[in-house]
Amino acid sequence: MKRKLTWLGAILSGLYLLTIGPLPFPAFDPLPFIDEAIALAFFLKCTSSLGFDMRKWLPFFGKNGKSKPSQKPDDDKEVTIDV
């Protein structure tokens, strides 16, 4: 049941992004409280829980919030300390 609801959420938010989202005038927007950013975040969350990672095509979304570990130089002579 949870998977079916997730599919329904992904389909509805995807259709919203494809059809209603790019309308030029906000007067034609039937759901003014749903912004395109909210629909995109909901779509990405639904697709990631289904096993499809769509964030790799969107460079402004981080992947799992993890950053790369900083690499420390092996030699102390390469370290520059600015005072």
Protein backbone atom coordinates (compact mmCIF):
# COMPACT_ATOMS: atom_id res chain seq x y z
CA MET A 1 0.00 0.00 0.00
CA LYS A 2 2.85 2.38 0.85
CA ARG A 3 4.50 1.73 -2.51
CA LYS A 4 1.23 2.46 -4.35
CA LEU A 5 0.84 5.76 -2.53
CA THR A 6 4.44 6.64 -3.34
CA TRP A 7 3.83 5.90 -7.02
CA LEU A 8 0.67 8.02 -6.93
CA GLY A 9 2.57 10.90 -5.30
CA ALA A 10 5.38 10.67 -7.87
CA ILE A 11 2.94 10.60 -10.78
CA LEU A 12 0.82 13.48 -9.50
CA SER A 13 3.77 15.71 -8.64
CA GLY A 14 5.44 14.87 -11.96
CA LEU A 15 2.28 15.75 -13.87
CA TYR A 16 2.01 18.98 -11.90
CA LEU A 17 5.58 19.90 -12.83
CA LEU A 18 5.00 19.10 -16.51
CA THR A 19 1.59 20.71 -17.01
CA ILE A 20 0.64 23.31 -14.42
CA GLY A 21 4.11 24.36 -13.30
CA PRO A 22 5.26 26.19 -16.46
CA LEU A 23 2.10 28.32 -16.85
CA PRO A 24 3.15 31.93 -17.50
CA PHE A 25 0.47 33.65 -15.43
CA PRO A 26 -0.13 32.96 -11.73
CA ALA A 27 -3.83 33.77 -12.18
CA PHE A 28 -4.29 30.43 -13.96
CA ASP A 29 -2.70 28.44 -11.15
CA PRO A 30 -5.45 26.32 -9.55
CA LEU A 31 -3.30 25.46 -6.50
CA PRO A 32 -1.44 28.67 -5.58
CA PHE A 33 -0.11 27.29 -2.28
CA ILE A 34 1.85 24.55 -4.09
CA ASP A 35 5.01 26.04 -5.52
CA GLU A 36 7.12 24.33 -8.16
CA ALA A 37 9.92 23.90 -5.62
CA ILE A 38 7.62 22.02 -3.26
CA ALA A 39 6.37 19.82 -6.09
CA LEU A 40 9.95 19.12 -7.20
CA ALA A 41 11.07 18.24 -3.67
CA PHE A 42 8.06 15.95 -3.25
CA PHE A 43 8.74 14.32 -6.63
CA LEU A 44 12.40 13.72 -5.79
CA LYS A 45 11.54 12.27 -2.39
CA CYS A 46 8.96 9.91 -3.90
CA THR A 47 11.27 8.73 -6.66
CA SER A 48 14.18 8.21 -4.27
CA SER A 49 12.01 6.08 -1.99
CA LEU A 50 11.02 4.04 -5.05
CA GLY A 51 14.68 3.45 -5.84
CA PHE A 52 15.17 5.94 -8.68
CA ASP A 53 17.76 8.63 -7.96
CA MET A 54 16.71 11.66 -10.00
CA ARG A 55 19.00 14.02 -8.08
CA LYS A 56 21.97 13.13 -10.26
CA TRP A 57 20.44 15.18 -13.10
CA LEU A 58 19.85 18.20 -10.87
CA PRO A 59 23.17 19.77 -9.86
CA PHE A 60 21.67 22.09 -7.23
CA PHE A 61 20.44 19.18 -5.08
CA GLY A 62 23.03 17.55 -2.86
CA LYS A 63 23.27 13.80 -2.66
CA ASN A 64 22.32 12.51 0.81
CA GLY A 65 23.74 15.63 2.44
CA LYS A 66 27.17 14.09 2.74
CA SER A 67 30.23 16.10 1.87
CA LYS A 68 33.53 14.73 0.69
CA PRO A 69 36.11 14.33 3.44
CA SER A 70 38.88 16.88 3.32
CA GLN A 71 42.22 15.49 2.32
CA LYS A 72 45.15 16.34 4.54
CA PRO A 73 48.58 16.74 2.99
CA ASP A 74 51.10 14.07 3.89
CA ASP A 75 53.99 16.49 4.31
CA ASP A 76 53.88 19.33 6.87
CA LYS A 77 55.91 21.55 4.53
CA GLU A 78 52.94 21.87 2.20
CA VAL A 79 50.71 23.33 4.91
CA THR A 80 50.36 27.11 4.78
CA ILE A 81 49.24 28.86 7.94
CA ASP A 82 47.99 32.38 7.39
CA VAL A 83 47.94 34.54 10.51
